[in-house]
Amino acid sequence: MVIGFSIALIVFSVLLMMLVLMHKGKGGGLSDMFGGGMQSSVGGSSVAERNLDRITIVVGLLWFACIVVLGILMKLGN
């Protein structure tokens, strides 16, 4: 079970890094390549950017949950 959560943690870590790098900063970002650079006429963030934010939050929460579960499993294993 520890191995499964360890693999999940590695996958979520790599995915989280890619998602964070896709976010647009002050000078633009990798999200411009995928349509995230288009600004809506209202002046808010685009749909792609909002969806990217939501996906990043979900992956971040899953990453955190994997760390907590791994910590509990390792503590109980000792």
Protein backbone atom coordinates (compact mmCIF):
# COMPACT_ATOMS: atom_id res chain seq x y z
CA MET A 1 0.00 0.00 0.00
CA VAL A 2 2.90 2.35 0.75
CA ILE A 3 4.35 1.67 -2.69
CA GLY A 4 1.05 2.58 -4.35
CA PHE A 5 0.79 5.89 -2.51
CA SER A 6 4.47 6.59 -3.22
CA ILE A 7 3.88 6.12 -6.95
CA ALA A 8 0.76 8.29 -6.75
CA LEU A 9 2.78 10.97 -4.96
CA ILE A 10 5.40 10.97 -7.71
CA VAL A 11 2.73 11.22 -10.41
CA PHE A 12 0.89 14.04 -8.61
CA SER A 13 4.19 15.86 -8.02
CA VAL A 14 5.11 15.84 -11.70
CA LEU A 15 1.57 16.79 -12.70
CA LEU A 16 1.51 19.64 -10.18
CA MET A 17 4.82 20.99 -11.48
CA MET A 18 3.52 20.97 -15.05
CA LEU A 19 0.27 22.67 -14.05
CA VAL A 20 2.04 25.40 -12.09
CA LEU A 21 4.37 26.07 -15.01
CA MET A 22 1.38 26.41 -17.33
CA HIS A 23 -0.06 29.30 -15.29
CA LYS A 24 0.33 32.74 -16.72
CA GLY A 25 2.60 35.08 -14.83
CA LYS A 26 3.20 38.77 -15.43
CA GLY A 27 5.01 38.11 -18.68
CA GLY A 28 2.77 35.30 -19.93
CA GLY A 29 3.37 31.61 -19.52
CA LEU A 30 3.06 28.25 -21.13
CA SER A 31 -0.70 28.59 -20.91
CA ASP A 32 -0.45 31.04 -23.85
CA MET A 33 0.41 28.08 -26.05
CA PHE A 34 -2.86 26.35 -25.16
CA GLY A 35 -5.20 29.31 -25.47
CA GLY A 36 -4.87 30.58 -21.91
CA GLY A 37 -3.38 33.85 -23.11
CA MET A 38 -6.60 35.10 -24.67
CA GLN A 39 -8.18 37.67 -22.38
CA SER A 40 -11.93 37.96 -22.24
CA SER A 41 -13.53 41.28 -23.09
CA VAL A 42 -14.78 41.68 -19.51
CA GLY A 43 -11.21 41.90 -18.25
CA GLY A 44 -11.36 38.81 -16.06
CA SER A 45 -9.41 35.64 -16.55
CA SER A 46 -10.29 33.38 -19.43
CA VAL A 47 -12.17 30.12 -19.13
CA ALA A 48 -9.00 28.14 -19.83
CA GLU A 49 -7.15 29.96 -17.03
CA ARG A 50 -9.99 29.40 -14.55
CA ASN A 51 -10.16 25.71 -15.43
CA LEU A 52 -6.40 25.47 -15.05
CA ASP A 53 -6.73 27.04 -11.60
CA ARG A 54 -9.38 24.51 -10.60
CA ILE A 55 -7.40 21.54 -11.87
CA THR A 56 -4.28 22.78 -10.08
CA ILE A 57 -6.18 23.10 -6.80
CA VAL A 58 -7.61 19.59 -7.10
CA VAL A 59 -4.22 18.06 -7.94
CA GLY A 60 -2.64 20.01 -5.07
CA LEU A 61 -5.23 18.66 -2.63
CA LEU A 62 -4.67 15.11 -3.88
CA TRP A 63 -0.90 15.61 -3.52
CA PHE A 64 -1.39 16.80 0.07
CA ALA A 65 -3.71 13.87 0.85
CA CYS A 66 -1.08 11.42 -0.46
CA ILE A 67 1.53 12.94 1.83
CA VAL A 68 -0.78 12.71 4.86
CA VAL A 69 -1.75 9.10 4.10
CA LEU A 70 1.89 8.12 3.53
CA GLY A 71 2.86 9.71 6.84
CA ILE A 72 0.12 7.81 8.69
CA LEU A 73 1.00 4.52 6.98
CA MET A 74 4.69 4.89 7.78
CA LYS A 75 3.96 5.80 11.39
CA LEU A 76 1.69 2.80 11.83
CA GLY A 77 4.23 0.56 10.12
CA ASN A 78 6.89 1.26 12.74
